[in-house]
Protein backbone atom coordinates (compact mmCIF):
# COMPACT_ATOMS: atom_id res chain seq x y z
CA MET A 1 11.63 21.31 -1.53
CA SER A 2 12.30 23.73 -4.35
CA LYS A 3 10.64 23.21 -7.68
CA VAL A 4 13.30 22.82 -10.33
CA SER A 5 13.25 21.41 -13.85
CA ILE A 6 15.55 18.40 -14.05
CA LEU A 7 15.54 15.69 -16.67
CA PHE A 8 13.70 12.49 -15.73
CA CYS A 9 15.42 9.19 -16.39
CA PHE A 10 14.33 5.59 -16.11
CA SER A 11 16.62 2.59 -15.99
CA VAL A 12 16.77 -1.12 -15.27
CA LEU A 13 19.26 -2.03 -12.55
CA ALA A 14 20.89 -5.20 -11.38
CA PHE A 15 19.12 -6.35 -8.22
CA GLY A 16 20.52 -8.80 -5.70
CA ILE A 17 20.68 -12.12 -7.52
CA PHE A 18 21.03 -10.43 -10.92
CA ALA A 19 24.30 -9.58 -12.64
CA ASN A 20 25.17 -7.03 -15.33
CA GLY A 21 21.61 -5.65 -15.39
CA SER A 22 20.12 -8.97 -16.52
CA SER A 23 16.97 -10.46 -15.03
CA GLU A 24 16.01 -13.95 -13.97
CA ASN A 25 12.61 -15.44 -14.83
CA GLY A 26 11.57 -12.03 -16.10
CA LEU A 27 12.09 -10.30 -12.75
CA GLY A 28 14.05 -7.08 -12.39
CA ILE A 29 14.10 -3.64 -10.85
CA TYR A 30 13.31 -0.29 -12.46
CA GLU A 31 14.11 3.25 -11.41
CA ILE A 32 12.27 6.50 -12.03
CA LYS A 33 14.53 9.38 -11.15
CA LYS A 34 14.38 13.16 -11.17
CA GLY A 35 17.39 14.86 -9.67
CA ASP A 36 17.54 13.85 -6.01
CA PHE A 37 14.11 12.15 -6.06
CA SER A 38 14.21 8.44 -6.92
CA VAL A 39 11.61 5.68 -6.90
CA LYS A 40 12.52 2.06 -7.60
CA VAL A 41 10.04 -0.68 -8.45
CA THR A 42 10.33 -4.43 -8.97
CA ASN A 43 7.87 -6.46 -11.03
CA TYR A 44 7.81 -9.15 -8.34
CA GLY A 45 4.52 -8.22 -6.71
CA ALA A 46 4.64 -4.82 -8.48
CA ARG A 47 6.43 -3.57 -5.37
CA ILE A 48 7.92 -0.22 -4.50
CA VAL A 49 11.48 -1.10 -3.49
CA SER A 50 12.72 2.33 -2.44
CA VAL A 51 11.78 6.00 -2.33
CA VAL A 52 14.79 8.29 -1.89
CA LEU A 53 14.41 12.02 -1.27
CA PRO A 54 16.18 14.80 0.65
CA ASP A 55 15.50 16.07 4.15
CA LYS A 56 15.52 19.70 5.34
CA ASN A 57 19.34 19.73 5.15
CA GLY A 58 19.47 18.16 1.69
CA LYS A 59 20.54 14.76 3.04
CA LEU A 60 19.13 11.85 1.04
CA ALA A 61 17.42 8.86 2.66
CA ASP A 62 15.33 5.90 1.60
CA VAL A 63 11.96 6.28 3.36
CA VAL A 64 10.36 2.86 2.75
CA LEU A 65 11.15 -0.48 4.35
CA GLY A 66 12.31 -3.35 2.16
CA TYR A 67 15.02 -5.85 1.27
CA ASP A 68 18.24 -6.01 -0.73
CA THR A 69 17.38 -8.97 -3.00
CA ILE A 70 14.47 -10.42 -4.96
CA LYS A 71 14.93 -13.70 -3.07
CA GLU A 72 14.18 -11.93 0.21
CA TYR A 73 11.00 -10.44 -1.26
CA MET A 74 9.97 -13.96 -2.27
CA ASN A 75 10.17 -15.00 1.39
CA ASP A 76 8.54 -11.80 2.66
CA THR A 77 5.60 -12.05 5.08
CA CYS A 78 5.19 -8.30 5.63
CA TYR A 79 4.02 -7.36 2.09
CA PHE A 80 6.76 -4.71 1.90
CA GLY A 81 5.91 -2.29 -0.93
CA ALA A 82 3.52 -4.68 -2.67
CA ILE A 83 0.31 -4.39 -4.63
CA VAL A 84 -1.98 -6.71 -2.66
CA GLY A 85 -5.11 -8.39 -4.05
CA ARG A 86 -7.26 -9.73 -5.68
CA VAL A 87 -8.89 -8.52 -2.47
CA ALA A 88 -6.75 -6.57 -0.02
CA ASN A 89 -7.16 -6.87 3.75
CA ARG A 90 -9.22 -9.61 5.40
CA ILE A 91 -12.16 -11.78 4.37
CA GLY A 92 -13.73 -13.44 7.40
CA GLY A 93 -13.98 -17.24 7.29
CA ALA A 94 -12.18 -17.11 3.91
CA LYS A 95 -15.52 -17.32 2.09
CA PHE A 96 -18.33 -15.24 0.62
CA THR A 97 -21.54 -15.70 -1.33
CA LEU A 98 -22.10 -14.05 -4.72
CA ASN A 99 -25.17 -14.55 -6.91
CA GLY A 100 -26.18 -17.59 -4.89
CA THR A 101 -22.81 -19.34 -5.09
CA VAL A 102 -20.57 -19.83 -2.04
CA TYR A 103 -16.90 -19.27 -2.82
CA LYS A 104 -14.38 -20.86 -0.49
CA LEU A 105 -11.06 -19.03 -0.55
CA ASP A 106 -7.46 -19.78 0.35
CA ALA A 107 -7.17 -19.11 4.09
CA ASN A 108 -3.67 -17.91 5.01
CA GLU A 109 -4.26 -16.35 8.47
CA ASN A 110 -5.84 -19.19 10.44
CA THR A 111 -9.43 -19.27 9.09
CA THR A 112 -9.12 -15.85 7.45
CA MET A 113 -7.96 -14.79 3.99
CA LEU A 114 -5.48 -11.90 4.16
CA HIS A 115 -4.36 -9.85 1.14
CA GLY A 116 -5.49 -12.37 -1.48
CA GLY A 117 -4.28 -15.64 0.04
CA LYS A 118 -1.09 -17.65 0.03
CA LYS A 119 -0.33 -16.62 -3.54
CA GLY A 120 -1.93 -13.23 -3.90
CA PHE A 121 -0.94 -10.48 -6.32
CA SER A 122 2.01 -9.60 -4.08
CA GLN A 123 3.68 -12.97 -4.67
CA VAL A 124 3.66 -13.30 -8.44
CA GLY A 125 5.65 -11.87 -11.31
CA TRP A 126 3.99 -8.97 -13.14
CA LYS A 127 4.68 -8.10 -16.77
CA VAL A 128 6.37 -4.80 -17.53
CA LYS A 129 3.91 -3.55 -20.12
CA LYS A 130 5.05 0.00 -20.80
CA HIS A 131 7.70 2.39 -19.65
CA GLU A 132 8.97 5.79 -20.65
CA LYS A 133 12.60 6.42 -19.85
CA HIS A 134 12.65 10.18 -20.37
CA GLY A 135 10.33 13.16 -20.48
CA ARG A 136 8.27 15.27 -18.14
CA SER A 137 6.23 12.35 -16.75
CA PRO A 138 8.18 9.07 -16.89
CA TYR A 139 6.27 6.01 -15.75
CA ILE A 140 6.14 2.25 -15.57
CA THR A 141 3.02 0.16 -16.10
CA LEU A 142 2.91 -3.45 -14.89
CA THR A 143 0.15 -5.98 -15.58
CA TYR A 144 -1.00 -9.31 -14.15
CA HIS A 145 -3.62 -11.76 -15.44
CA SER A 146 -5.36 -13.53 -12.56
CA VAL A 147 -7.16 -16.65 -13.78
CA ASP A 148 -10.58 -18.01 -12.87
CA GLY A 149 -10.39 -19.94 -9.59
CA GLU A 150 -7.10 -18.43 -8.46
CA GLU A 151 -7.07 -18.54 -4.64
CA GLY A 152 -10.78 -19.42 -4.92
CA PHE A 153 -11.99 -16.25 -6.62
CA PRO A 154 -14.36 -16.44 -9.60
CA GLY A 155 -13.47 -15.22 -13.08
CA ASP A 156 -10.44 -13.92 -14.92
CA VAL A 157 -9.14 -10.47 -13.95
CA LEU A 158 -6.64 -8.34 -15.81
CA ALA A 159 -4.94 -5.98 -13.34
CA SER A 160 -2.45 -3.17 -13.87
CA VAL A 161 -0.57 -0.58 -11.85
CA THR A 162 1.15 2.55 -13.12
CA TYR A 163 3.77 4.38 -11.07
CA LYS A 164 4.44 7.87 -12.43
CA LEU A 165 6.32 11.00 -11.42
CA ILE A 166 3.97 13.79 -12.43
CA LYS A 167 5.68 16.82 -10.89
CA PRO A 168 8.53 17.52 -8.45
CA TYR A 169 8.39 15.18 -5.44
CA THR A 170 4.99 13.74 -6.37
CA LEU A 171 4.39 10.04 -7.02
CA SER A 172 1.15 8.96 -8.67
CA VAL A 173 -0.08 5.37 -8.31
CA LYS A 174 -2.95 4.18 -10.48
CA MET A 175 -4.34 0.66 -10.02
CA LYS A 176 -6.82 -0.72 -12.55
CA ALA A 177 -8.53 -4.07 -13.02
CA LYS A 178 -11.14 -5.50 -15.35
CA ALA A 179 -13.42 -8.48 -14.70
CA LEU A 180 -13.23 -10.41 -17.98
CA ASN A 181 -15.94 -13.05 -17.69
CA LYS A 182 -17.51 -13.36 -14.22
CA ALA A 183 -18.60 -11.05 -11.43
CA THR A 184 -15.87 -10.95 -8.79
CA PRO A 185 -14.68 -8.83 -5.86
CA ILE A 186 -11.68 -6.57 -6.60
CA ASN A 187 -9.94 -4.43 -3.99
CA LEU A 188 -6.29 -3.58 -4.63
CA ALA A 189 -4.03 -1.75 -2.18
CA GLN A 190 -0.48 -0.37 -2.22
CA HIS A 191 1.31 -1.69 0.87
CA SER A 192 4.44 0.43 1.34
CA TYR A 193 5.81 0.96 4.85
CA TRP A 194 6.79 4.61 5.39
CA ASN A 195 9.37 6.05 7.76
CA LEU A 196 10.04 9.64 6.70
CA ALA A 197 13.18 9.87 8.82
CA GLY A 198 14.67 6.98 6.85
CA HIS A 199 13.99 3.24 6.77
CA ASN A 200 16.85 2.54 9.19
CA THR A 201 16.19 5.22 11.84
CA GLY A 202 14.02 3.42 14.40
CA ASN A 203 10.31 3.85 15.03
CA ILE A 204 7.65 6.27 13.80
CA LEU A 205 6.06 6.98 17.19
CA SER A 206 7.28 10.59 17.19
CA ASP A 207 5.74 11.30 13.78
CA GLU A 208 2.76 13.63 13.57
CA LEU A 209 -0.26 12.12 11.82
CA GLN A 210 -3.52 13.52 10.51
CA ILE A 211 -6.24 11.36 8.94
CA PHE A 212 -9.26 12.93 7.27
CA ALA A 213 -11.75 10.37 8.57
CA SER A 214 -14.41 10.80 11.25
CA HIS A 215 -15.31 7.09 11.53
CA ILE A 216 -13.75 3.63 11.66
CA THR A 217 -15.00 0.10 11.00
CA PRO A 218 -14.32 -1.64 14.35
CA VAL A 219 -13.10 -5.23 14.37
CA ASP A 220 -13.37 -8.40 16.46
CA LYS A 221 -10.50 -10.40 17.96
CA LYS A 222 -9.66 -11.83 14.52
CA LEU A 223 -9.46 -8.28 13.08
CA ILE A 224 -12.63 -8.88 11.04
CA PRO A 225 -15.04 -5.91 10.87
CA THR A 226 -18.15 -6.25 13.00
CA GLY A 227 -20.21 -4.39 10.40
CA LYS A 228 -20.58 -1.29 12.57
CA ILE A 229 -19.32 2.17 11.64
CA LEU A 230 -18.34 4.19 14.72
CA PRO A 231 -17.13 7.77 15.27
CA VAL A 232 -13.51 8.39 16.27
CA LYS A 233 -14.19 11.51 18.31
CA THR A 234 -12.76 11.33 21.87
CA THR A 235 -11.12 7.95 21.11
CA PRO A 236 -7.46 6.97 20.48
CA TYR A 237 -8.41 6.66 16.80
CA ASP A 238 -9.06 10.38 16.43
CA PHE A 239 -6.47 11.93 14.09
CA LEU A 240 -8.79 14.54 12.63
CA THR A 241 -6.32 17.12 13.90
CA PRO A 242 -2.58 16.35 13.76
CA ARG A 243 -1.35 14.24 16.69
CA VAL A 244 1.99 12.65 17.58
CA ILE A 245 1.41 8.90 17.35
CA LYS A 246 3.08 7.89 20.62
CA GLY A 247 0.38 9.65 22.67
CA PRO A 248 -2.85 8.00 21.50
CA ILE A 249 -1.24 4.64 20.72
CA LYS A 250 -0.79 4.15 24.49
CA SER A 251 -4.56 4.49 24.97
CA LEU A 252 -5.57 1.73 22.57
CA PRO A 253 -7.55 -1.22 24.01
CA LYS A 254 -5.66 -3.62 26.25
CA GLY A 255 -3.73 -6.22 24.30
CA SER A 256 -3.42 -4.09 21.20
CA ARG A 257 0.07 -3.84 19.73
CA GLY A 258 -0.74 -0.70 17.80
CA TYR A 259 -3.01 0.53 15.03
CA ASP A 260 -4.45 -1.89 12.47
CA ILE A 261 -7.83 -0.42 11.59
CA ASN A 262 -9.82 0.82 8.59
CA TYR A 263 -10.88 4.46 8.57
CA VAL A 264 -13.97 5.63 6.69
CA VAL A 265 -12.67 8.57 4.66
CA ASP A 266 -14.75 11.73 4.97
CA GLY A 267 -16.72 12.32 1.76
CA HIS A 268 -15.91 8.79 0.64
CA GLU A 269 -18.98 8.49 -1.59
CA GLY A 270 -18.10 8.78 -5.26
CA PRO A 271 -14.91 8.31 -7.28
CA LYS A 272 -13.35 11.75 -6.79
CA MET A 273 -9.87 12.24 -5.32
CA LYS A 274 -9.95 13.46 -1.73
CA PRO A 275 -7.41 14.16 1.04
CA ILE A 276 -6.62 11.03 3.06
CA ALA A 277 -3.73 11.73 5.44
CA VAL A 278 -0.68 13.84 6.26
CA VAL A 279 2.46 12.51 7.95
CA TYR A 280 5.19 14.80 9.29
CA ASN A 281 8.59 13.87 10.70
CA LYS A 282 10.01 16.80 12.66
CA LYS A 283 13.60 15.55 12.76
CA SER A 284 13.97 15.31 8.98
CA GLY A 285 11.41 17.97 8.11
CA ARG A 286 9.84 15.61 5.56
CA MET A 287 6.08 15.74 5.08
CA MET A 288 3.95 13.34 3.04
CA LYS A 289 0.44 14.20 1.89
CA LEU A 290 -1.72 11.34 0.60
CA SER A 291 -4.84 11.71 -1.51
CA ALA A 292 -6.90 8.97 -3.14
CA ASN A 293 -10.31 8.06 -4.53
CA ALA A 294 -10.88 5.04 -2.26
CA PRO A 295 -13.55 5.00 0.50
CA GLY A 296 -11.25 3.69 3.23
CA VAL A 297 -7.69 3.70 4.48
CA GLN A 298 -6.01 1.13 6.72
CA LEU A 299 -3.67 2.60 9.31
CA TYR A 300 -1.12 -0.04 10.28
CA THR A 301 1.81 0.78 12.55
CA GLY A 302 3.99 -2.25 11.79
CA ASN A 303 2.89 -4.03 14.95
CA TYR A 304 4.07 -7.48 13.90
CA ILE A 305 7.46 -6.53 12.47
CA ASN A 306 9.86 -8.25 14.83
CA GLY A 307 13.55 -8.66 14.06
CA VAL A 308 13.06 -8.54 10.27
CA LYS A 309 16.40 -8.13 8.48
CA GLY A 310 15.94 -5.43 5.85
CA LYS A 311 17.99 -3.28 3.51
CA GLY A 312 21.64 -2.77 4.30
CA GLY A 313 21.48 -5.22 7.20
CA CYS A 314 19.08 -3.02 9.17
CA VAL A 315 16.91 -5.02 11.57
CA TYR A 316 13.34 -3.72 11.65
CA GLN A 317 11.36 -3.85 14.89
CA PRO A 318 7.71 -3.10 15.81
CA HIS A 319 6.56 0.39 14.75
CA ALA A 320 9.55 0.80 12.40
CA ALA A 321 7.15 2.32 9.86
CA LEU A 322 3.50 2.98 9.17
CA CYS A 323 1.24 1.96 6.31
CA LEU A 324 -1.61 4.02 4.89
CA GLU A 325 -3.37 1.54 2.61
CA THR A 326 -6.23 3.20 0.77
CA GLN A 327 -8.82 0.56 -0.01
CA GLY A 328 -12.40 -0.63 -0.02
CA PHE A 329 -13.66 -1.60 3.43
CA PRO A 330 -12.30 -4.93 4.73
CA ASP A 331 -14.62 -7.95 4.44
CA SER A 332 -17.13 -5.92 2.45
CA VAL A 333 -18.14 -9.09 0.58
CA ASN A 334 -19.79 -10.21 3.83
CA HIS A 335 -21.27 -6.84 4.87
CA PRO A 336 -24.03 -5.52 2.58
CA ASN A 337 -23.93 -2.13 4.36
CA PHE A 338 -20.32 -1.56 3.22
CA PRO A 339 -19.51 -0.10 -0.23
CA SER A 340 -19.53 -2.98 -2.72
CA GLN A 341 -16.31 -4.31 -4.20
CA ILE A 342 -18.06 -6.48 -6.80
CA VAL A 343 -17.04 -5.78 -10.40
CA ASN A 344 -19.29 -7.25 -13.09
CA PRO A 345 -18.05 -8.79 -16.37
CA GLY A 346 -16.73 -6.19 -18.76
CA LYS A 347 -16.64 -3.52 -16.07
CA SER A 348 -13.53 -1.90 -14.65
CA TYR A 349 -12.12 -0.99 -11.24
CA GLU A 350 -9.88 2.04 -10.78
CA HIS A 351 -8.00 3.08 -7.65
CA CYS A 352 -5.81 6.19 -7.70
CA MET A 353 -3.36 7.47 -5.11
CA MET A 354 -1.07 10.49 -4.99
CA PHE A 355 1.89 10.88 -2.62
CA THR A 356 3.16 14.48 -2.42
CA PHE A 357 6.38 15.09 -0.49
CA SER A 358 7.60 18.43 0.83
CA ILE A 359 9.73 20.02 3.54
CA LYS A 360 8.28 21.75 6.58
CA LYS A 361 10.87 23.84 8.41
């Protein structure tokens, strides 16, 4: 994609159940736009609603899965586009022990807590704190105050996310959180489903994927990490060099519907930004490079999407998109050998991601 200087703009749009640009119960939709590159966000779950950009022929397409109305997002079970937390991914047995106290959490996947429970960060209204409509780097910042005891977690947490366009075809996502009065686990993740050919074009099995991770954290039948860290070399999980997904996905263990596994990012120690993954769709020519400062990334190939009615009446099926959720390791609160997610009172958590889009011809 050529680098051109075009004025940014930022606007609030009517969305589904809203009329004349108004909002209901403080919920709405916001657009950051630069020429033919557009990102829309709703403050329900701080979700990315759409990402529209051109292909190699200049044709525009929305490359994330989602819905047409806020009401549909309220009934969503796929976490389309959401910020998930207070702790993303799974906590085995929906409990953990911290400083001698056992905390029993809200189990929402049988006996497991997934993505913060029945009312996690993805299922609440966030406050639009700041926005800049024009300029070189327009952005929106949303905040949410999670109270002590919410879904079983200790302490109050003030969380925020900032979506910003920092240069042509680059989206920055910065998640922050502060533990206000008690030590507590914090692990936020951005849960967009990507299909670079377009959200309504079928599956992503022909996409080429590279993940800069030499190890995974294997899981049991409940998708809870065993505590081991194993190499990916010579396994179907090896994406150290670019591979078309439909090849190795066929070699996954019997009974597997696809990928749903945490990768240990190479050089994950420390807070520096590092390359995470590259996705390339040959048909459209679109390429997405992801970098982040998190130690892990969950590769999920939409295995449990089944007949979900999405935007424009499109019906999404298994493997309609993939997620690359940078994160702390799943269930780290129950595995002392995993990087800690505990944030002490007065201390802050920061998780940065950068999505850079380009064309490969």
